[in-house]
Every structure is written in C-alpha cells, then in structure tokens.
Amino acid sequence: MSDLVFDALLCDLDNVIRFYDLDEVARQEEAVGIAPGTTMEIAFAPGRDLPLVLGQITRAQWAASISEALTAQIPAQRAADLATAFAHAPARVDQHVVELLHQARRSIPVVLVTNATVWLDDDLAQLGLTDLADHVVNSSRVHSAKPDAEIYRIAAERAGVPAHRCAFVDDSQTNVDAARRAGMTAVLYRDISDLRRLLAPIVNEGDSSFLQETQAGPHD
C-alpha cells in the first residue's frame, strides 16, 4: 500500500450506500395537494434534523414534530399519515458499493461516518450491513454531527490512522470541505465511479491518478 495516500477509508452512509424509497411519501403529498418534497423539507429543518442526529429525540417524537408542522397545510390525520410514511420509509442498498467496500476492507480499515439516528443499528441489521465496516461512527451516539470537526477526529481515532492518512467519501460538499480542513483526502460522491477511482489501487478498478486529484491539505 506504499503508493496510497491513505491508510483508512471513512465513508458516508446515506446517498452513498443506503437510499430511501420515498414513492409513498410522494404519492401522499400529491393526494393532499402539497408540493413534492414538502415533507422532507420539514423533516430535515434544522430544528428537527439536528436533535434527531444528535440522539436527542426518538423516531416517534420526530414523526410527531413533522406531523405538527404539516397541519399548517393539511388536515391532522393526513399530516400524521405523511409523517409516519416519511419516518418509516423503506430503504435499499447499492450492492455494488457494498462490494467495493468489502474489497477495500481486506486491505485497510473501513469506517462508516454518518449523521444518523439512535435506531441505526437496527437499520443496518435489517439491510444486512452489520459486517460492512470495522467501525460505525454514528452522530447520535457520539453526539457530534458532520461537519463538526469532532466527528472527523473520532472517526480517524476509531480507524487507528492519523487524519492526514484517511480518505473520506461523502455526498455533501460541506462535509467534504470539513474533511479537507481536517487534513483528509476527501472525495465528493456523485456516483459509484468516484468510489471506484478512489479505491483503484486496492480493488484494481479505475484510474489511480484520481488519488492525487482529490488529496487536499488542512488549509484547502
């Protein structure tokens, strides 16, 4: 691994590995005449999202908060139904990404770094992902959420690798920028080709020159 610019992979979960199916939410939004995405916007407003990913509220409390906000636009029962559909939306896994991470883990530590909920362990078990990574850094358990510097420090510590020897992958530019400030090699995930290219020296896919393109120091 002497040609690598990293010795551990820190990887986001949602919109990289796990994807939610919101078709039922969209159907209900259309039925009650509100704009597509309204429920998501309400659910992830700062006053609801941050307490959720810091482990300060339960799923039931989160759903109740979403429902209460929706009642400004739609009847209470419809609001409750929409909130429940959103809070319990089914998820799928990108098995191609999972396979890449399994291959990477044969060579280097893999750590999931995710702004997630206190029920994440149950979700990972249901999706068959309990053995995907060496460690899971869950914001609701460590009480620090991306892009705060502390969660990156914790993730590097769990990986057992200095921050400047960690590669970080996330679908959020804000989170990627924070990883770069921490000294990590950071990659914005748009599709699986980004991950393939990053891991090329390990899994023999893609172009290893991509590593140099994505390496960044703490002041970038």
C-alpha atoms as a PDB file:
ATOM      1  CA  MET A   1       0.000   0.000   0.000  1.00  0.00           C
ATOM      2  CA  SER A   2       3.059   2.272  -0.235  1.00  0.00           C
ATOM      3  CA  ASP A   3       1.590   4.069  -3.275  1.00  0.00           C
ATOM      4  CA  LEU A   4      -1.600   5.039  -1.428  1.00  0.00           C
ATOM      5  CA  VAL A   5      -2.164   8.485   0.022  1.00  0.00           C
ATOM      6  CA  PHE A   6      -4.456   6.972   2.674  1.00  0.00           C
ATOM      7  CA  ASP A   7      -4.456   4.035   5.086  1.00  0.00           C
ATOM      8  CA  ALA A   8      -8.150   4.031   6.044  1.00  0.00           C
ATOM      9  CA  LEU A   9     -11.454   4.730   4.328  1.00  0.00           C
ATOM     10  CA  LEU A  10     -14.111   6.816   6.076  1.00  0.00           C
ATOM     11  CA  CYS A  11     -17.410   6.560   4.208  1.00  0.00           C
ATOM     12  CA  ASP A  12     -20.793   8.217   4.459  1.00  0.00           C
ATOM     13  CA  LEU A  13     -23.890   6.015   4.557  1.00  0.00           C
ATOM     14  CA  ASP A  14     -26.923   7.799   3.108  1.00  0.00           C
ATOM     15  CA  ASN A  15     -26.901   8.549  -0.618  1.00  0.00           C
ATOM     16  CA  VAL A  16     -23.704   6.555  -0.965  1.00  0.00           C
ATOM     17  CA  ILE A  17     -24.635   3.116   0.377  1.00  0.00           C
ATOM     18  CA  ARG A  18     -28.233   3.473   1.568  1.00  0.00           C
ATOM     19  CA  PHE A  19     -31.023   5.100  -0.443  1.00  0.00           C
ATOM     20  CA  TYR A  20     -34.564   5.743   0.770  1.00  0.00           C
ATOM     21  CA  ASP A  21     -37.677   4.962  -1.256  1.00  0.00           C
ATOM     22  CA  LEU A  22     -39.975   7.958  -0.905  1.00  0.00           C
ATOM     23  CA  ASP A  23     -42.531   6.948  -3.538  1.00  0.00           C
ATOM     24  CA  GLU A  24     -45.285   6.509  -0.941  1.00  0.00           C
ATOM     25  CA  VAL A  25     -44.485   9.911   0.564  1.00  0.00           C
ATOM     26  CA  ALA A  26     -44.674  11.489  -2.891  1.00  0.00           C
ATOM     27  CA  ARG A  27     -47.986   9.745  -3.559  1.00  0.00           C
ATOM     28  CA  GLN A  28     -49.485  11.089  -0.350  1.00  0.00           C
ATOM     29  CA  GLU A  29     -48.154  14.585  -0.985  1.00  0.00           C
ATOM     30  CA  GLU A  30     -49.796  14.599  -4.400  1.00  0.00           C
ATOM     31  CA  ALA A  31     -53.053  13.297  -2.927  1.00  0.00           C
ATOM     32  CA  VAL A  32     -53.275  16.138  -0.417  1.00  0.00           C
ATOM     33  CA  GLY A  33     -52.100  18.789  -2.871  1.00  0.00           C
ATOM     34  CA  ILE A  34     -48.796  19.888  -1.376  1.00  0.00           C
ATOM     35  CA  ALA A  35     -45.576  20.394  -3.289  1.00  0.00           C
ATOM     36  CA  PRO A  36     -43.296  17.385  -3.788  1.00  0.00           C
ATOM     37  CA  GLY A  37     -40.549  17.345  -1.179  1.00  0.00           C
ATOM     38  CA  THR A  38     -42.503  19.356   1.387  1.00  0.00           C
ATOM     39  CA  THR A  39     -42.359  16.583   3.975  1.00  0.00           C
ATOM     40  CA  MET A  40     -38.619  16.118   3.533  1.00  0.00           C
ATOM     41  CA  GLU A  41     -38.010  19.846   3.857  1.00  0.00           C
ATOM     42  CA  ILE A  42     -39.970  19.914   7.106  1.00  0.00           C
ATOM     43  CA  ALA A  43     -38.387  16.710   8.435  1.00  0.00           C
ATOM     44  CA  PHE A  44     -34.843  17.954   7.929  1.00  0.00           C
ATOM     45  CA  ALA A  45     -35.322  21.553   9.015  1.00  0.00           C
ATOM     46  CA  PRO A  46     -32.537  22.446  11.490  1.00  0.00           C
ATOM     47  CA  GLY A  47     -34.845  22.385  14.493  1.00  0.00           C
ATOM     48  CA  ARG A  48     -35.771  18.765  13.775  1.00  0.00           C
ATOM     49  CA  ASP A  49     -32.769  17.359  11.958  1.00  0.00           C
ATOM     50  CA  LEU A  50     -30.057  18.303  14.454  1.00  0.00           C
ATOM     51  CA  PRO A  51     -31.841  16.964  17.559  1.00  0.00           C
ATOM     52  CA  LEU A  52     -32.514  13.760  15.607  1.00  0.00           C
ATOM     53  CA  VAL A  53     -28.932  13.121  14.518  1.00  0.00           C
ATOM     54  CA  LEU A  54     -27.566  14.077  17.938  1.00  0.00           C
ATOM     55  CA  GLY A  55     -29.750  11.444  19.590  1.00  0.00           C
ATOM     56  CA  GLN A  56     -31.909  13.927  21.485  1.00  0.00           C
ATOM     57  CA  ILE A  57     -35.299  12.765  20.178  1.00  0.00           C
ATOM     58  CA  THR A  58     -36.920   9.441  19.312  1.00  0.00           C
ATOM     59  CA  ARG A  59     -38.424   8.442  15.984  1.00  0.00           C
ATOM     60  CA  ALA A  60     -41.904   8.911  17.454  1.00  0.00           C
ATOM     61  CA  GLN A  61     -41.041  12.422  18.625  1.00  0.00           C
ATOM     62  CA  TRP A  62     -39.547  13.236  15.241  1.00  0.00           C
ATOM     63  CA  ALA A  63     -42.656  11.997  13.413  1.00  0.00           C
ATOM     64  CA  ALA A  64     -44.928  13.933  15.774  1.00  0.00           C
ATOM     65  CA  SER A  65     -42.941  17.113  15.089  1.00  0.00           C
ATOM     66  CA  ILE A  66     -43.219  16.588  11.323  1.00  0.00           C
ATOM     67  CA  SER A  67     -46.943  15.946  11.639  1.00  0.00           C
ATOM     68  CA  GLU A  68     -47.498  19.072  13.721  1.00  0.00           C
ATOM     69  CA  ALA A  69     -45.714  21.226  11.136  1.00  0.00           C
ATOM     70  CA  LEU A  70     -47.688  19.689   8.277  1.00  0.00           C
ATOM     71  CA  THR A  71     -51.019  20.525   9.925  1.00  0.00           C
ATOM     72  CA  ALA A  72     -50.474  24.131   8.881  1.00  0.00           C
ATOM     73  CA  GLN A  73     -51.144  22.927   5.324  1.00  0.00           C
ATOM     74  CA  ILE A  74     -53.236  19.752   5.515  1.00  0.00           C
ATOM     75  CA  PRO A  75     -55.725  18.022   7.867  1.00  0.00           C
ATOM     76  CA  ALA A  76     -54.255  16.462  11.008  1.00  0.00           C
ATOM     77  CA  GLN A  77     -54.856  12.825  10.046  1.00  0.00           C
ATOM     78  CA  ARG A  78     -53.298  13.291   6.611  1.00  0.00           C
ATOM     79  CA  ALA A  79     -50.361  15.029   8.285  1.00  0.00           C
ATOM     80  CA  ALA A  80     -49.907  12.137  10.689  1.00  0.00           C
ATOM     81  CA  ASP A  81     -50.051   9.615   7.846  1.00  0.00           C
ATOM     82  CA  LEU A  82     -47.450  11.524   5.842  1.00  0.00           C
ATOM     83  CA  ALA A  83     -45.142  11.906   8.826  1.00  0.00           C
ATOM     84  CA  THR A  84     -45.356   8.187   9.562  1.00  0.00           C
ATOM     85  CA  ALA A  85     -44.689   7.285   5.932  1.00  0.00           C
ATOM     86  CA  PHE A  86     -41.619   9.507   5.913  1.00  0.00           C
ATOM     87  CA  ALA A  87     -40.225   8.398   9.274  1.00  0.00           C
ATOM     88  CA  HIS A  88     -40.609   4.732   8.302  1.00  0.00           C
ATOM     89  CA  ALA A  89     -39.681   4.967   4.619  1.00  0.00           C
ATOM     90  CA  PRO A  90     -38.104   1.747   3.300  1.00  0.00           C
ATOM     91  CA  ALA A  91     -34.502   1.760   2.171  1.00  0.00           C
ATOM     92  CA  ARG A  92     -32.404  -0.099  -0.371  1.00  0.00           C
ATOM     93  CA  VAL A  93     -28.687  -0.743  -0.566  1.00  0.00           C
ATOM     94  CA  ASP A  94     -26.365  -0.219  -3.525  1.00  0.00           C
ATOM     95  CA  GLN A  95     -24.795  -3.667  -3.625  1.00  0.00           C
ATOM     96  CA  HIS A  96     -22.060  -2.515  -5.999  1.00  0.00           C
ATOM     97  CA  VAL A  97     -20.857  -0.007  -3.417  1.00  0.00           C
ATOM     98  CA  VAL A  98     -21.109  -2.651  -0.711  1.00  0.00           C
ATOM     99  CA  GLU A  99     -18.886  -4.979  -2.720  1.00  0.00           C
ATOM    100  CA  LEU A 100     -16.298  -2.246  -3.239  1.00  0.00           C
ATOM    101  CA  LEU A 101     -16.208  -1.567   0.497  1.00  0.00           C
ATOM    102  CA  HIS A 102     -15.854  -5.274   1.277  1.00  0.00           C
ATOM    103  CA  GLN A 103     -12.902  -5.411  -1.098  1.00  0.00           C
ATOM    104  CA  ALA A 104     -11.350  -2.306   0.428  1.00  0.00           C
ATOM    105  CA  ARG A 105     -11.725  -3.730   3.915  1.00  0.00           C
ATOM    106  CA  ARG A 106      -9.450  -6.631   3.014  1.00  0.00           C
ATOM    107  CA  SER A 107      -6.610  -4.098   2.777  1.00  0.00           C
ATOM    108  CA  ILE A 108      -7.473  -1.149   5.015  1.00  0.00           C
ATOM    109  CA  PRO A 109      -9.883  -0.257   7.848  1.00  0.00           C
ATOM    110  CA  VAL A 110     -13.303   0.946   6.707  1.00  0.00           C
ATOM    111  CA  VAL A 111     -15.315   3.215   8.984  1.00  0.00           C
ATOM    112  CA  LEU A 112     -18.862   4.430   8.353  1.00  0.00           C
ATOM    113  CA  VAL A 113     -19.232   8.079   9.375  1.00  0.00           C
ATOM    114  CA  THR A 114     -22.865   9.070   9.347  1.00  0.00           C
ATOM    115  CA  ASN A 115     -25.292  11.652  10.673  1.00  0.00           C
ATOM    116  CA  ALA A 116     -27.790   9.050  11.773  1.00  0.00           C
ATOM    117  CA  THR A 117     -30.368   8.081  14.354  1.00  0.00           C
ATOM    118  CA  VAL A 118     -30.317   6.068  17.565  1.00  0.00           C
ATOM    119  CA  TRP A 119     -32.007   3.190  15.698  1.00  0.00           C
ATOM    120  CA  LEU A 120     -29.225   2.923  13.106  1.00  0.00           C
ATOM    121  CA  ASP A 121     -28.003  -0.446  14.419  1.00  0.00           C
ATOM    122  CA  ASP A 122     -31.438  -1.955  13.754  1.00  0.00           C
ATOM    123  CA  ASP A 123     -31.492  -0.422  10.278  1.00  0.00           C
ATOM    124  CA  LEU A 124     -28.053  -1.843   9.431  1.00  0.00           C
ATOM    125  CA  ALA A 125     -29.114  -5.280  10.636  1.00  0.00           C
ATOM    126  CA  GLN A 126     -32.277  -5.202   8.512  1.00  0.00           C
ATOM    127  CA  LEU A 127     -30.225  -4.223   5.459  1.00  0.00           C
ATOM    128  CA  GLY A 128     -27.585  -6.891   6.066  1.00  0.00           C
ATOM    129  CA  LEU A 129     -24.844  -4.331   6.670  1.00  0.00           C
ATOM    130  CA  THR A 130     -23.679  -5.218  10.178  1.00  0.00           C
ATOM    131  CA  ASP A 131     -20.335  -6.532   8.890  1.00  0.00           C
ATOM    132  CA  LEU A 132     -19.762  -3.850   6.270  1.00  0.00           C
ATOM    133  CA  ALA A 133     -17.276  -1.774   8.265  1.00  0.00           C
ATOM    134  CA  ASP A 134     -14.757  -2.136  11.048  1.00  0.00           C
ATOM    135  CA  HIS A 135     -16.453   0.670  12.973  1.00  0.00           C
ATOM    136  CA  VAL A 136     -19.551   2.848  12.731  1.00  0.00           C
ATOM    137  CA  VAL A 137     -19.316   6.451  13.903  1.00  0.00           C
ATOM    138  CA  ASN A 138     -22.949   7.409  14.423  1.00  0.00           C
ATOM    139  CA  SER A 139     -23.592  11.078  15.227  1.00  0.00           C
ATOM    140  CA  SER A 140     -26.472  10.206  17.550  1.00  0.00           C
ATOM    141  CA  ARG A 141     -24.128   8.017  19.618  1.00  0.00           C
ATOM    142  CA  VAL A 142     -21.031  10.231  19.667  1.00  0.00           C
ATOM    143  CA  HIS A 143     -23.126  13.430  19.984  1.00  0.00           C
ATOM    144  CA  SER A 144     -21.285  15.213  17.211  1.00  0.00           C
ATOM    145  CA  ALA A 145     -22.523  15.589  13.647  1.00  0.00           C
ATOM    146  CA  LYS A 146     -20.838  16.361  10.347  1.00  0.00           C
ATOM    147  CA  PRO A 147     -19.495  18.893   9.522  1.00  0.00           C
ATOM    148  CA  ASP A 148     -18.298  19.448  13.114  1.00  0.00           C
ATOM    149  CA  ALA A 149     -14.566  18.775  13.449  1.00  0.00           C
ATOM    150  CA  GLU A 150     -15.064  16.446  16.418  1.00  0.00           C
ATOM    151  CA  ILE A 151     -16.765  13.680  14.455  1.00  0.00           C
ATOM    152  CA  TYR A 152     -13.853  13.586  11.995  1.00  0.00           C
ATOM    153  CA  ARG A 153     -11.401  13.320  14.895  1.00  0.00           C
ATOM    154  CA  ILE A 154     -13.413  10.458  16.378  1.00  0.00           C
ATOM    155  CA  ALA A 155     -13.588   8.659  13.030  1.00  0.00           C
ATOM    156  CA  ALA A 156      -9.822   8.844  12.492  1.00  0.00           C
ATOM    157  CA  GLU A 157      -9.264   7.633  16.040  1.00  0.00           C
ATOM    158  CA  ARG A 158     -11.582   4.655  15.508  1.00  0.00           C
ATOM    159  CA  ALA A 159      -9.748   3.834  12.283  1.00  0.00           C
ATOM    160  CA  GLY A 160      -6.444   3.944  14.148  1.00  0.00           C
ATOM    161  CA  VAL A 161      -4.955   6.200  11.473  1.00  0.00           C
ATOM    162  CA  PRO A 162      -3.866   9.882  11.576  1.00  0.00           C
ATOM    163  CA  ALA A 163      -6.340  12.209   9.902  1.00  0.00           C
ATOM    164  CA  HIS A 164      -3.943  13.028   7.078  1.00  0.00           C
ATOM    165  CA  ARG A 165      -3.810   9.320   6.205  1.00  0.00           C
ATOM    166  CA  CYS A 166      -7.599   8.953   5.994  1.00  0.00           C
ATOM    167  CA  ALA A 167      -9.714   9.096   2.834  1.00  0.00           C
ATOM    168  CA  PHE A 168     -13.221  10.462   3.329  1.00  0.00           C
ATOM    169  CA  VAL A 169     -16.176   9.976   0.967  1.00  0.00           C
ATOM    170  CA  ASP A 170     -19.482  11.857   1.290  1.00  0.00           C
ATOM    171  CA  ASP A 171     -22.252  13.170  -0.977  1.00  0.00           C
ATOM    172  CA  SER A 172     -22.251  16.565   0.776  1.00  0.00           C
ATOM    173  CA  GLN A 173     -19.764  19.215  -0.369  1.00  0.00           C
ATOM    174  CA  THR A 174     -19.978  20.827   3.075  1.00  0.00           C
ATOM    175  CA  ASN A 175     -18.908  17.583   4.733  1.00  0.00           C
ATOM    176  CA  VAL A 176     -16.157  17.020   2.179  1.00  0.00           C
ATOM    177  CA  ASP A 177     -14.810  20.528   2.783  1.00  0.00           C
ATOM    178  CA  ALA A 178     -14.753  19.883   6.529  1.00  0.00           C
ATOM    179  CA  ALA A 179     -12.808  16.653   5.991  1.00  0.00           C
ATOM    180  CA  ARG A 180     -10.262  18.544   3.925  1.00  0.00           C
ATOM    181  CA  ARG A 181      -9.872  21.093   6.696  1.00  0.00           C
ATOM    182  CA  ALA A 182      -9.129  18.146   8.994  1.00  0.00           C
ATOM    183  CA  GLY A 183      -6.305  17.179   6.627  1.00  0.00           C
ATOM    184  CA  MET A 184      -8.020  14.202   4.991  1.00  0.00           C
ATOM    185  CA  THR A 185      -8.086  13.142   1.363  1.00  0.00           C
ATOM    186  CA  ALA A 186     -11.724  13.935   0.579  1.00  0.00           C
ATOM    187  CA  VAL A 187     -13.939  12.869  -2.324  1.00  0.00           C
ATOM    188  CA  LEU A 188     -17.370  14.221  -3.207  1.00  0.00           C
ATOM    189  CA  TYR A 189     -19.554  11.224  -4.059  1.00  0.00           C
ATOM    190  CA  ARG A 190     -21.723  11.728  -7.143  1.00  0.00           C
ATOM    191  CA  ASP A 191     -21.891   8.123  -8.337  1.00  0.00           C
ATOM    192  CA  ILE A 192     -20.033   4.873  -7.885  1.00  0.00           C
ATOM    193  CA  SER A 193     -17.334   5.842 -10.371  1.00  0.00           C
ATOM    194  CA  ASP A 194     -15.953   8.296  -7.789  1.00  0.00           C
ATOM    195  CA  LEU A 195     -15.505   5.480  -5.279  1.00  0.00           C
ATOM    196  CA  ARG A 196     -14.095   3.102  -7.883  1.00  0.00           C
ATOM    197  CA  ARG A 197     -11.442   5.579  -8.878  1.00  0.00           C
ATOM    198  CA  LEU A 198     -10.503   6.326  -5.278  1.00  0.00           C
ATOM    199  CA  LEU A 199     -10.108   2.639  -4.459  1.00  0.00           C
ATOM    200  CA  ALA A 200      -8.441   1.664  -7.731  1.00  0.00           C
ATOM    201  CA  PRO A 201      -5.059   0.763  -6.185  1.00  0.00           C
ATOM    202  CA  ILE A 202      -6.827  -1.603  -3.765  1.00  0.00           C
ATOM    203  CA  VAL A 203      -9.525  -3.196  -5.901  1.00  0.00           C
ATOM    204  CA  ASN A 204      -7.883  -2.845  -9.323  1.00  0.00           C
ATOM    205  CA  GLU A 205     -10.582  -0.646 -10.803  1.00  0.00           C
ATOM    206  CA  GLY A 206     -10.362   2.820 -12.312  1.00  0.00           C
ATOM    207  CA  ASP A 207      -7.530   5.318 -12.511  1.00  0.00           C
ATOM    208  CA  SER A 208      -5.164   5.751  -9.563  1.00  0.00           C
ATOM    209  CA  SER A 209      -4.282   9.261 -10.756  1.00  0.00           C
ATOM    210  CA  PHE A 210      -7.595  10.306  -9.215  1.00  0.00           C
ATOM    211  CA  LEU A 211      -5.945   9.989  -5.787  1.00  0.00           C
ATOM    212  CA  GLN A 212      -3.653  12.906  -6.431  1.00  0.00           C
ATOM    213  CA  GLU A 213      -6.560  14.998  -7.728  1.00  0.00           C
ATOM    214  CA  THR A 214      -8.537  14.514  -4.515  1.00  0.00           C
ATOM    215  CA  GLN A 215      -5.745  14.842  -1.977  1.00  0.00           C
ATOM    216  CA  ALA A 216      -6.017  18.093  -0.039  1.00  0.00           C
ATOM    217  CA  GLY A 217      -4.266  19.634   2.923  1.00  0.00           C
ATOM    218  CA  PRO A 218      -5.811  21.181   6.041  1.00  0.00           C
ATOM    219  CA  HIS A 219      -5.767  24.681   4.572  1.00  0.00           C
ATOM    220  CA  ASP A 220      -7.570  23.863   1.281  1.00  0.00           C
END
